[in-house]
Amino acid sequence: MISDFYAGYDAVPCAQQKCWVHLIRDMNDDLREAPFDAELETFVLAVKDLLIPIMECIQRYGLSKKHLQKFKPDVEQFYRQTIVDKYYRSDLALKYQKRFIRYRDSLFTFLDHEAIPWHNNTAEGAIRHVAKQRDISMIFSAPVTHDYLRLLGIRQTCRFQGKSFFKFLFSGETDLEHFDARTRKR
């Protein structure tokens, strides 16, 4: 599961990847609000120095485990030098130190697994439709939400698998795998 830092997600018993876009945005916002916090600036620069080579590798090779695993020693060194047993006086630097400690296992999941993104942009794009529907209808009661989310889930699954949502709905099928096999025979 790829998510932001909402604590409710922590209870889900599965492998997780925390969204770096959310983390970077939070750090940038805090840095902008506290421009004279030298410790925070040093902390953010250490994060940047760790991430830039990883992002360049992703640009070049994609989310290839083979290429990304080579950054694991860099992550360990980052934790030794910037996180573990480091004393920060700045409240903001301390806040991020705690976040990096708490989410150590889920910040770098994408290094260990093939094709796992380091952000949740795809998921957020998928639920954008829910927010639009809520804004349009002005009422989004539980029964309506349940049906809408089920349809949205089917639509997004069809989209990501390159299958026609409308053809699936009109086919009368209830199993997307079975629908796929039937459409290839035609």
Protein backbone atom coordinates (compact mmCIF):
# COMPACT_ATOMS: atom_id res chain seq x y z
CA MET A 1 0.00 0.00 0.00
CA ILE A 2 1.31 3.43 -0.93
CA SER A 3 -0.04 6.21 1.27
CA ASP A 4 0.56 9.55 2.87
CA PHE A 5 1.39 9.85 6.57
CA TYR A 6 -2.14 9.61 7.95
CA ALA A 7 -1.69 7.42 11.04
CA GLY A 8 -4.78 5.32 10.27
CA TYR A 9 -2.90 3.61 7.43
CA ASP A 10 -0.31 2.29 9.88
CA ALA A 11 -2.81 -0.28 11.18
CA VAL A 12 -3.20 -1.96 7.78
CA PRO A 13 -1.23 -5.24 7.94
CA CYS A 14 0.64 -5.14 4.63
CA ALA A 15 3.87 -3.88 3.10
CA GLN A 16 3.71 -0.10 2.86
CA GLN A 17 5.46 2.67 0.98
CA LYS A 18 5.03 6.18 2.35
CA CYS A 19 4.65 8.91 -0.25
CA TRP A 20 7.82 10.94 -0.71
CA VAL A 21 5.89 13.72 -2.46
CA HIS A 22 3.93 14.34 0.75
CA LEU A 23 7.09 14.22 2.86
CA ILE A 24 9.03 16.57 0.58
CA ARG A 25 6.10 18.99 0.44
CA ASP A 26 5.86 18.98 4.25
CA MET A 27 9.59 19.65 4.62
CA ASN A 28 9.50 22.43 2.02
CA ASP A 29 6.50 24.05 3.71
CA ASP A 30 8.23 23.98 7.09
CA LEU A 31 11.47 25.27 5.60
CA ARG A 32 9.58 28.14 3.97
CA GLU A 33 7.86 28.95 7.29
CA ALA A 34 11.15 28.80 9.24
CA PRO A 35 13.80 30.13 6.85
CA PHE A 36 16.32 30.77 9.62
CA ASP A 37 16.17 27.28 11.12
CA ALA A 38 19.70 26.14 10.24
CA GLU A 39 19.24 22.65 11.68
CA LEU A 40 16.13 22.06 9.60
CA GLU A 41 17.92 23.34 6.52
CA THR A 42 20.85 20.99 7.15
CA PHE A 43 18.43 18.11 7.67
CA VAL A 44 16.54 18.86 4.44
CA LEU A 45 19.81 19.14 2.51
CA ALA A 46 20.86 15.70 3.79
CA VAL A 47 17.53 14.29 2.58
CA LYS A 48 18.04 15.99 -0.78
CA ASP A 49 21.55 14.57 -1.10
CA LEU A 50 20.16 11.10 -0.47
CA LEU A 51 17.18 11.40 -2.82
CA ILE A 52 18.58 13.15 -5.88
CA PRO A 53 20.76 10.20 -7.01
CA ILE A 54 17.86 7.80 -6.38
CA MET A 55 15.48 9.94 -8.46
CA GLU A 56 18.06 10.25 -11.23
CA CYS A 57 18.35 6.46 -11.26
CA ILE A 58 14.56 6.14 -11.48
CA GLN A 59 14.53 8.62 -14.38
CA ARG A 60 17.11 6.54 -16.20
CA TYR A 61 16.10 2.95 -15.38
CA GLY A 62 12.58 3.17 -14.02
CA LEU A 63 11.53 1.46 -10.80
CA SER A 64 13.94 -1.43 -11.28
CA LYS A 65 14.82 -3.25 -8.09
CA LYS A 66 18.11 -4.27 -9.69
CA HIS A 67 19.20 -0.66 -10.03
CA LEU A 68 17.59 0.74 -6.88
CA GLN A 69 18.97 -1.75 -4.37
CA LYS A 70 22.42 -0.24 -4.76
CA PHE A 71 21.15 2.76 -2.74
CA LYS A 72 20.49 0.71 0.40
CA PRO A 73 23.98 1.43 1.81
CA ASP A 74 23.35 5.15 1.17
CA VAL A 75 20.11 4.93 3.14
CA GLU A 76 21.95 3.20 6.01
CA GLN A 77 24.64 5.87 5.98
CA PHE A 78 21.96 8.61 5.93
CA TYR A 79 20.32 7.08 9.00
CA ARG A 80 23.66 6.76 10.81
CA GLN A 81 24.72 10.33 10.07
CA THR A 82 21.42 12.20 10.15
CA ILE A 83 18.86 10.24 12.16
CA VAL A 84 20.15 7.70 14.70
CA ASP A 85 21.61 9.09 17.93
CA LYS A 86 21.59 12.62 16.53
CA TYR A 87 20.48 15.36 18.90
CA TYR A 88 18.46 18.19 17.34
CA ARG A 89 17.52 21.36 19.18
CA SER A 90 15.20 22.55 16.43
CA ASP A 91 11.62 21.39 16.98
CA LEU A 92 11.12 21.01 13.24
CA ALA A 93 14.29 18.98 12.68
CA LEU A 94 13.31 16.84 15.66
CA LYS A 95 9.83 16.34 14.15
CA TYR A 96 11.34 14.98 10.92
CA GLN A 97 13.89 12.90 12.78
CA LYS A 98 11.00 11.20 14.59
CA ARG A 99 9.10 10.73 11.33
CA PHE A 100 12.11 9.11 9.68
CA ILE A 101 12.53 6.80 12.68
CA ARG A 102 8.85 5.88 12.82
CA TYR A 103 8.57 5.18 9.09
CA ARG A 104 12.00 3.76 8.41
CA ASP A 105 10.59 0.47 7.11
CA SER A 106 8.06 2.15 4.83
CA LEU A 107 10.02 5.07 3.38
CA PHE A 108 12.29 2.93 1.24
CA THR A 109 10.09 -0.05 0.34
CA PHE A 110 10.42 0.92 -3.32
CA LEU A 111 14.13 0.02 -3.19
CA ASP A 112 13.34 -3.61 -2.37
CA HIS A 113 10.42 -4.34 -4.69
CA GLU A 114 10.10 -4.25 -8.45
CA ALA A 115 7.96 -1.42 -9.87
CA ILE A 116 6.74 0.02 -6.54
CA PRO A 117 6.39 3.80 -6.91
CA TRP A 118 7.86 6.17 -4.34
CA HIS A 119 4.69 8.30 -4.40
CA ASN A 120 0.93 7.83 -4.27
CA ASN A 121 0.06 10.08 -7.21
CA THR A 122 -1.73 7.24 -9.02
CA ALA A 123 -3.99 6.56 -6.03
CA GLU A 124 -4.71 10.24 -5.48
CA GLY A 125 -5.54 10.63 -9.15
CA ALA A 126 -7.91 7.70 -8.89
CA ILE A 127 -9.85 9.15 -5.95
CA ARG A 128 -10.04 12.61 -7.47
CA HIS A 129 -13.29 11.41 -9.07
CA VAL A 130 -14.80 10.84 -5.63
CA ALA A 131 -14.04 14.40 -4.57
CA LYS A 132 -15.52 15.77 -7.80
CA GLN A 133 -18.66 13.66 -7.40
CA ARG A 134 -19.03 14.83 -3.80
CA ASP A 135 -18.71 18.47 -4.90
CA ILE A 136 -21.22 18.02 -7.73
CA SER A 137 -23.87 16.09 -5.80
CA MET A 138 -23.50 18.04 -2.55
CA ILE A 139 -24.75 14.86 -0.85
CA PHE A 140 -22.68 11.77 -0.62
CA SER A 141 -24.48 9.40 1.74
CA ALA A 142 -23.07 6.04 2.79
CA PRO A 143 -25.18 3.87 0.41
CA VAL A 144 -24.43 6.11 -2.57
CA THR A 145 -20.74 6.29 -1.65
CA HIS A 146 -20.49 2.51 -1.41
CA ASP A 147 -21.98 1.97 -4.88
CA TYR A 148 -20.01 4.82 -6.41
CA LEU A 149 -16.71 3.56 -4.97
CA ARG A 150 -17.40 0.03 -6.22
CA LEU A 151 -17.99 1.36 -9.75
CA LEU A 152 -14.96 3.62 -9.49
CA GLY A 153 -12.81 0.67 -8.39
CA ILE A 154 -13.98 -1.38 -11.38
CA ARG A 155 -13.43 1.56 -13.74
CA GLN A 156 -9.91 2.21 -12.47
CA THR A 157 -9.01 -1.48 -12.60
CA CYS A 158 -10.22 -1.65 -16.22
CA ARG A 159 -8.27 1.50 -17.03
CA PHE A 160 -5.01 0.21 -15.54
CA GLN A 161 -5.43 -3.17 -17.26
CA GLY A 162 -6.25 -1.56 -20.61
CA LYS A 163 -9.79 -3.00 -20.73
CA SER A 164 -13.01 -1.26 -21.70
CA PHE A 165 -15.06 -0.31 -18.64
CA PHE A 166 -18.28 0.01 -20.64
CA LYS A 167 -17.79 -3.27 -22.48
CA PHE A 168 -17.22 -4.95 -19.12
CA LEU A 169 -20.41 -3.42 -17.66
CA PHE A 170 -22.51 -4.33 -20.69
CA SER A 171 -21.08 -7.85 -20.90
CA GLY A 172 -22.96 -8.95 -17.79
CA GLU A 173 -19.75 -10.49 -16.44
CA THR A 174 -18.85 -10.11 -12.79
CA ASP A 175 -15.29 -11.39 -13.05
CA LEU A 176 -12.79 -9.18 -14.88
CA GLU A 177 -10.43 -12.10 -15.56
CA HIS A 178 -13.24 -14.13 -17.13
CA PHE A 179 -14.33 -11.09 -19.13
CA ASP A 180 -10.79 -10.69 -20.43
CA ALA A 181 -10.66 -14.30 -21.60
CA ARG A 182 -14.03 -13.98 -23.33
CA THR A 183 -13.10 -10.78 -25.16
CA ARG A 184 -9.94 -12.30 -26.62
CA LYS A 185 -11.88 -15.21 -28.15
CA ARG A 186 -14.04 -12.85 -30.22
